[in-house]
Structure formats: structure tokens, C-alpha cells
Amino acid sequence: MKVEQPSCHCCAALPQAVETFKSTFRFPTVFGDYLNNCVTKLEVIDYNTNFIHVACPDHVDVAHIDSLVVAVKGIHAPRFSDDISTIGVYFGPENPNNAKRFLSDGTFTGPRAELHAALAGLKISRRICAEGGFCSCPEHEEGHECVVRHLVAKTESEYVARGMGGGERDREPWIWRWRENGWLTVNEEPVKNRDLWKALWRELKGLGVLGVRVDWWLAPNSDNNEAYCVAGGVLSAIDLSPDEKHTEWLTDELQRHAGCDHPLDMDPRAVPESCVLLEKKSKM
């Protein structure tokens, strides 16, 4: 839902987790009004700050300004090139914290791209949260601002959402059991991509120290187009031959990217310093 000046208040009704660094859940979870997963009821864009906030129950123009929604997307293009993956992180329209770039960690898969995107989203969010308030709140004394207490990471990857936020019917996140088992699966095999899962856990702990609860929103593709467009903007800049442009996979990707309605003029190298794991590495 887009509104120029949303009404707002702090999310006092949101329960805080007892173990802050283990405070990861699926979203929506708390309010029955969210169960239909209607995107216009779940998030509100504040065009004063260009951040997206969690909407209050029964309202489409009232936001919890001590919350943030960050949309993430990782793209791997195996039918185009085995060594091309990109990520997109989206906080809001023309938000300076939005980020996109190529990945070059040497192991290119769709799941790793999605994990990298989630990791970048948490890293940037932790920096924002550590800097304190960014939006004045009518419920606070004059001159004081709301600090972020609730972060919602929006992804279309079930792998990421279930791994970090758990499954339906309050099934616990995979990462809890993996960590307790020494990063082994129930079959006592090493967890795939455990380097990135461990990095996500560290970011989760860092956010917990700041008192931030993290929820994971498994959104349909149509509700995650902004992050996709940010990541896809990197792919669209690649110089392709006519034959490459007509491959089945790339045709589908470019068609989806053609539906993006916001500018993608950010330099793909302009990623915040917090994304240290995503720095370009020279090939050996």
C-alpha cells in the first residue's frame, strides 16, 4: 500500500522473543488480520523516508514505524552462464540503502544466490538499526525518534524462509537444529551452504543484541518484484548476443524484468561497506 504520509505508532503489541538472538519467526504470525497474506495489508510505504514498514492490523495506511521490511532476491543464471549470479536488496523506492551486485564467491547456485541476498539484507539492516532512529514518532517526546525493533525479511525463496523462519504450524527453523547438531543434518551429513547459514546466524545474533526481532516473509513472486528488479537490473546490463537473448530462461527473466516500473540506475558496484562478504574477488 502506498501513502504519502502514513499515520504511525510504535508496535507495542508485538511480543518480544525471550532469547533475542534466537528471535526468528515466520511472517505474518501475530495478527489474524494478516493471515490472508494480502500485500496491501502487510506493508506501508512511507514516502517521507522511503522505507517500508509493517502495516497495523485492519489498516492500509497506518504503519509501525519501529519496523522495517527489506525485500531480497538472488538470481542465478545457469542457462546463460554457470558463473553469473546477482542479488538485489530493496528497502523502498529510491532508498539509498538499496543494493545490487554480481556475486563471485566461486560456487554459483540458485540457493546460494538467495542466501547471499538474505545475508546482504540483514547486514545492511543491522547497520541501519545500529544507527538508531530515522523517523520521528508522535508517541515519543519531541526530538526523539523510533528505533527499529522489528525487521521483516521478505523473500520468495522457500529454502531461505524455512531455513531461517521455520515452516507452517510453528515448525522450528532448520537453522536451530543444524546449529545444535554441529551443523549436521538429521542424516549426520554436513549442511549444504553452511558457510552462508553460519554468516546469517551471526547477523541474526547481531540484530538480537540490538533488540531487533527478525521475521521471515515467504512472499509470492508477484509481491517481491521490487527486489527482483534490483537484482535483474544487473543482468539486463550484460551485453548479449542475439542468440543468447532468445534462450528460454533469459527470455522469461527479461520479460519479468520488463515489468519493473522504477529506475535501476544505481551502480551495481555501489554496495554499502557492510556487505563485506560480497566484495568482488579477482579470479585466480
Protein backbone atom coordinates (compact mmCIF):
# COMPACT_ATOMS: atom_id res chain seq x y z
CA MET A 1 0.00 0.00 0.00
CA LYS A 2 1.40 3.41 -0.97
CA VAL A 3 0.52 6.52 1.01
CA GLU A 4 2.24 9.88 1.06
CA GLN A 5 2.16 10.41 4.83
CA PRO A 6 1.06 7.29 6.70
CA SER A 7 -0.25 7.52 10.20
CA CYS A 8 2.05 5.67 12.53
CA HIS A 9 2.71 4.40 16.01
CA CYS A 10 5.05 2.03 17.79
CA CYS A 11 4.31 -1.67 17.66
CA ALA A 12 3.83 -2.14 21.40
CA ALA A 13 1.59 -5.15 20.78
CA LEU A 14 4.35 -7.16 19.12
CA PRO A 15 5.75 -9.71 21.58
CA GLN A 16 9.48 -9.72 22.03
CA ALA A 17 11.36 -13.00 22.00
CA VAL A 18 12.90 -14.21 25.24
CA GLU A 19 16.14 -15.22 23.53
CA THR A 20 16.86 -12.18 21.41
CA PHE A 21 19.41 -13.75 19.10
CA LYS A 22 17.08 -16.69 18.52
CA SER A 23 14.17 -14.41 17.73
CA THR A 24 13.34 -15.52 14.23
CA PHE A 25 9.85 -16.36 13.09
CA ARG A 26 7.67 -16.65 10.01
CA PHE A 27 5.67 -13.61 8.94
CA PRO A 28 2.79 -13.00 9.18
CA THR A 29 2.31 -14.69 12.54
CA VAL A 30 0.95 -12.37 15.20
CA PHE A 31 -2.23 -10.81 13.88
CA GLY A 32 -5.16 -12.77 12.48
CA ASP A 33 -5.85 -9.96 10.06
CA TYR A 34 -2.59 -10.79 8.29
CA LEU A 35 -3.39 -14.43 7.62
CA ASN A 36 -4.74 -13.82 4.13
CA ASN A 37 -1.21 -12.62 3.20
CA CYS A 38 -2.61 -9.67 1.26
CA VAL A 39 0.35 -7.46 0.49
CA THR A 40 -1.68 -4.24 0.69
CA LYS A 41 -2.47 -5.07 4.32
CA LEU A 42 1.01 -6.17 5.30
CA GLU A 43 3.23 -3.26 4.36
CA VAL A 44 3.07 0.51 4.05
CA ILE A 45 5.49 2.73 2.12
CA ASP A 46 6.45 5.99 3.80
CA TYR A 47 7.50 8.40 1.06
CA ASN A 48 8.96 10.79 3.64
CA THR A 49 11.71 8.30 4.49
CA ASN A 50 11.41 5.90 1.51
CA PHE A 51 11.29 2.96 3.92
CA ILE A 52 8.64 0.25 4.00
CA HIS A 53 7.02 -0.57 7.34
CA VAL A 54 4.74 -3.28 8.69
CA ALA A 55 1.11 -2.21 8.46
CA CYS A 56 -1.08 -2.19 11.55
CA PRO A 57 -3.98 -4.66 11.73
CA ASP A 58 -7.18 -3.59 9.96
CA HIS A 59 -5.45 -0.61 8.36
CA VAL A 60 -3.85 0.04 4.99
CA ASP A 61 -2.46 3.48 5.84
CA VAL A 62 -1.17 3.05 9.41
CA ALA A 63 2.36 1.80 9.94
CA HIS A 64 4.51 0.53 12.79
CA ILE A 65 7.45 2.87 12.29
CA ASP A 66 9.64 0.86 14.64
CA SER A 67 9.55 -1.84 11.96
CA LEU A 68 11.31 -2.29 8.62
CA VAL A 69 10.55 -4.52 5.65
CA VAL A 70 13.51 -5.47 3.48
CA ALA A 71 12.91 -7.43 0.27
CA VAL A 72 15.72 -9.64 -1.02
CA LYS A 73 16.28 -11.62 -4.19
CA GLY A 74 19.11 -13.74 -5.53
CA ILE A 75 19.29 -14.77 -9.19
CA HIS A 76 21.45 -17.47 -10.72
CA ALA A 77 21.53 -17.79 -14.50
CA PRO A 78 22.81 -21.31 -15.26
CA ARG A 79 21.32 -21.46 -18.75
CA PHE A 80 23.10 -18.25 -19.62
CA SER A 81 26.35 -18.71 -17.74
CA ASP A 82 27.39 -21.01 -14.91
CA ASP A 83 29.37 -18.25 -13.21
CA ILE A 84 26.81 -15.45 -13.07
CA SER A 85 24.70 -14.73 -10.01
CA THR A 86 23.25 -11.43 -8.81
CA ILE A 87 21.49 -10.12 -5.73
CA GLY A 88 19.03 -7.35 -5.04
CA VAL A 89 18.15 -5.73 -1.69
CA TYR A 90 15.19 -3.34 -1.59
CA PHE A 91 14.13 -1.11 1.32
CA GLY A 92 11.87 1.24 -0.60
CA PRO A 93 11.58 3.45 -3.68
CA GLU A 94 14.82 5.34 -4.33
CA ASN A 95 16.06 4.35 -0.89
CA PRO A 96 19.84 4.92 -0.70
CA ASN A 97 20.24 1.62 1.17
CA ASN A 98 19.03 -0.43 -1.80
CA ALA A 99 21.85 -2.58 -3.18
CA LYS A 100 22.57 -4.79 -6.17
CA ARG A 101 25.66 -6.52 -7.47
CA PHE A 102 27.20 -9.57 -9.10
CA LEU A 103 28.39 -12.42 -6.89
CA SER A 104 31.74 -14.07 -7.34
CA ASP A 105 32.27 -16.46 -4.45
CA GLY A 106 33.21 -19.27 -6.83
CA THR A 107 30.20 -21.51 -6.17
CA PHE A 108 27.18 -20.47 -8.19
CA THR A 109 23.75 -21.94 -7.48
CA GLY A 110 20.26 -20.55 -7.05
CA PRO A 111 20.13 -21.37 -3.32
CA ARG A 112 23.47 -19.66 -2.68
CA ALA A 113 22.33 -16.57 -4.56
CA GLU A 114 19.20 -16.40 -2.39
CA LEU A 115 21.27 -16.87 0.78
CA HIS A 116 23.69 -14.14 -0.29
CA ALA A 117 20.76 -11.79 -0.89
CA ALA A 118 19.32 -12.55 2.55
CA LEU A 119 22.73 -12.03 4.13
CA ALA A 120 23.17 -8.67 2.43
CA GLY A 121 19.68 -7.66 3.57
CA LEU A 122 20.49 -8.48 7.20
CA LYS A 123 23.90 -6.79 7.07
CA ILE A 124 22.51 -3.53 5.72
CA SER A 125 19.54 -3.70 8.11
CA ARG A 126 21.85 -4.18 11.09
CA ARG A 127 23.77 -1.06 10.14
CA ILE A 128 20.51 0.90 9.84
CA CYS A 129 19.30 -0.40 13.21
CA ALA A 130 22.62 0.34 14.89
CA GLU A 131 22.46 3.95 13.72
CA GLY A 132 19.24 4.39 15.71
CA GLY A 133 16.03 6.13 14.81
CA PHE A 134 15.25 7.51 11.40
CA CYS A 135 11.60 8.53 11.77
CA SER A 136 10.01 10.89 14.31
CA CYS A 137 7.19 9.36 16.33
CA PRO A 138 4.19 11.23 17.77
CA GLU A 139 4.17 8.89 20.78
CA HIS A 140 7.69 9.91 21.83
CA GLU A 141 8.96 13.13 23.32
CA GLU A 142 9.86 15.84 20.85
CA GLY A 143 13.30 15.31 19.40
CA HIS A 144 13.27 11.55 19.98
CA GLU A 145 12.91 9.05 17.19
CA CYS A 146 11.73 5.46 16.94
CA VAL A 147 14.43 2.82 16.81
CA VAL A 148 13.82 -0.35 14.84
CA ARG A 149 12.55 -3.28 16.91
CA HIS A 150 11.01 -5.46 14.20
CA LEU A 151 12.64 -6.46 10.92
CA VAL A 152 10.75 -8.42 8.27
CA ALA A 153 12.92 -10.04 5.59
CA LYS A 154 10.81 -10.71 2.51
CA THR A 155 11.95 -13.48 0.16
CA GLU A 156 10.40 -15.67 -2.49
CA SER A 157 12.81 -18.49 -1.59
CA GLU A 158 11.20 -21.24 0.48
CA TYR A 159 14.71 -22.54 1.14
CA VAL A 160 15.64 -19.31 2.93
CA ALA A 161 12.27 -18.76 4.63
CA ARG A 162 12.05 -22.26 6.09
CA GLY A 163 15.71 -22.38 6.98
CA MET A 164 15.63 -19.09 8.89
CA GLY A 165 11.99 -18.63 9.88
CA GLY A 166 10.57 -22.13 10.10
CA GLY A 167 7.64 -23.77 8.40
CA GLU A 168 3.91 -23.62 8.78
CA ARG A 169 2.19 -24.68 12.02
CA ASP A 170 5.07 -23.27 14.07
CA ARG A 171 7.65 -25.73 12.79
CA GLU A 172 11.05 -24.62 14.02
CA PRO A 173 13.61 -23.17 11.61
CA TRP A 174 16.10 -25.64 10.19
CA ILE A 175 18.98 -23.45 11.36
CA TRP A 176 18.15 -24.03 15.04
CA ARG A 177 18.55 -27.79 14.75
CA TRP A 178 21.56 -27.56 12.45
CA ARG A 179 23.39 -25.39 14.92
CA GLU A 180 22.52 -27.65 17.85
CA ASN A 181 23.76 -30.66 15.82
CA GLY A 182 27.09 -29.07 14.98
CA TRP A 183 25.90 -28.01 11.51
CA LEU A 184 24.95 -31.55 10.56
CA THR A 185 21.65 -32.71 9.09
CA VAL A 186 19.48 -35.40 10.68
CA ASN A 187 21.42 -37.85 8.50
CA GLU A 188 24.65 -36.57 10.07
CA GLU A 189 25.81 -35.05 6.80
CA PRO A 190 27.34 -31.57 6.59
CA VAL A 191 24.73 -28.88 5.96
CA LYS A 192 24.96 -27.56 2.42
CA ASN A 193 25.99 -23.90 2.17
CA ARG A 194 26.77 -23.89 5.89
CA ASP A 195 29.24 -21.02 5.42
CA LEU A 196 26.34 -18.76 4.47
CA TRP A 197 23.97 -20.19 7.09
CA LYS A 198 26.62 -19.51 9.74
CA ALA A 199 27.03 -15.96 8.45
CA LEU A 200 23.26 -15.46 8.61
CA TRP A 201 23.25 -16.74 12.19
CA ARG A 202 25.94 -14.22 13.13
CA GLU A 203 23.91 -11.39 11.64
CA LEU A 204 20.83 -12.64 13.48
CA LYS A 205 22.77 -12.54 16.74
CA GLY A 206 23.95 -9.03 15.98
CA LEU A 207 20.39 -7.86 15.39
CA GLY A 208 19.31 -9.61 18.58
CA VAL A 209 21.89 -7.68 20.58
CA LEU A 210 20.24 -4.52 19.24
CA GLY A 211 16.87 -5.79 20.44
CA VAL A 212 15.53 -6.43 16.95
CA ARG A 213 13.13 -9.28 16.28
CA VAL A 214 13.52 -10.81 12.80
CA ASP A 215 10.63 -12.38 10.90
CA TRP A 216 10.83 -14.11 7.52
CA TRP A 217 8.10 -13.50 4.97
CA LEU A 218 7.75 -16.08 2.19
CA ALA A 219 6.12 -13.93 -0.47
CA PRO A 220 4.87 -14.95 -3.91
CA ASN A 221 6.93 -13.76 -6.86
CA SER A 222 4.40 -11.06 -7.68
CA ASP A 223 4.87 -9.48 -4.24
CA ASN A 224 8.67 -9.45 -4.47
CA ASN A 225 9.12 -7.76 -7.83
CA GLU A 226 10.96 -4.75 -6.43
CA ALA A 227 13.87 -6.83 -5.14
CA TYR A 228 13.80 -8.88 -8.32
CA CYS A 229 14.01 -5.74 -10.43
CA VAL A 230 17.02 -4.56 -8.45
CA ALA A 231 18.83 -7.87 -8.95
CA GLY A 232 17.63 -8.21 -12.53
CA GLY A 233 18.94 -4.77 -13.34
CA VAL A 234 22.44 -6.20 -13.14
CA LEU A 235 21.58 -8.96 -15.62
CA SER A 236 19.93 -6.54 -18.01
CA ALA A 237 23.18 -4.61 -18.32
CA ILE A 238 25.04 -7.63 -19.71
CA ASP A 239 25.97 -7.33 -23.38
CA LEU A 240 24.27 -10.33 -25.01
CA SER A 241 24.38 -11.73 -28.50
CA PRO A 242 21.04 -12.12 -30.37
CA ASP A 243 21.15 -15.90 -29.82
CA GLU A 244 21.75 -15.51 -26.09
CA LYS A 245 18.85 -13.09 -25.74
CA HIS A 246 16.44 -15.69 -27.10
CA THR A 247 17.25 -18.56 -24.77
CA GLU A 248 14.11 -19.76 -22.98
CA TRP A 249 15.37 -18.94 -19.49
CA LEU A 250 16.66 -15.47 -20.32
CA THR A 251 13.52 -14.58 -22.27
CA ASP A 252 11.45 -15.33 -19.17
CA GLU A 253 13.81 -13.35 -16.95
CA LEU A 254 13.88 -10.31 -19.21
CA GLN A 255 10.10 -10.39 -19.59
CA ARG A 256 9.74 -10.29 -15.82
CA HIS A 257 12.31 -7.54 -15.61
CA ALA A 258 10.46 -5.56 -18.30
CA GLY A 259 7.61 -5.19 -15.83
CA CYS A 260 9.75 -3.17 -13.44
CA ASP A 261 8.36 0.32 -13.08
CA HIS A 262 11.11 2.01 -11.08
CA PRO A 263 14.54 3.26 -12.24
CA LEU A 264 17.51 0.92 -11.98
CA ASP A 265 20.27 3.45 -12.39
CA MET A 266 22.28 2.51 -9.30
CA ASP A 267 25.84 1.43 -9.94
CA PRO A 268 25.99 -2.34 -9.25
CA ARG A 269 29.31 -1.74 -7.52
CA ALA A 270 27.74 0.78 -5.13
CA VAL A 271 27.04 -1.65 -2.32
CA PRO A 272 27.43 -0.48 1.30
CA GLU A 273 30.59 -1.36 3.19
CA SER A 274 28.53 -3.68 5.39
CA CYS A 275 28.37 -6.20 2.54
CA VAL A 276 31.94 -7.32 3.09
CA LEU A 277 31.27 -10.92 2.08
CA LEU A 278 30.05 -9.79 -1.32
CA GLU A 279 33.13 -7.88 -2.37
CA LYS A 280 34.39 -8.67 -5.85
CA LYS A 281 37.15 -11.25 -5.80
CA SER A 282 39.68 -11.49 -8.58
CA LYS A 283 39.76 -14.82 -10.40
CA MET A 284 42.86 -16.93 -9.89
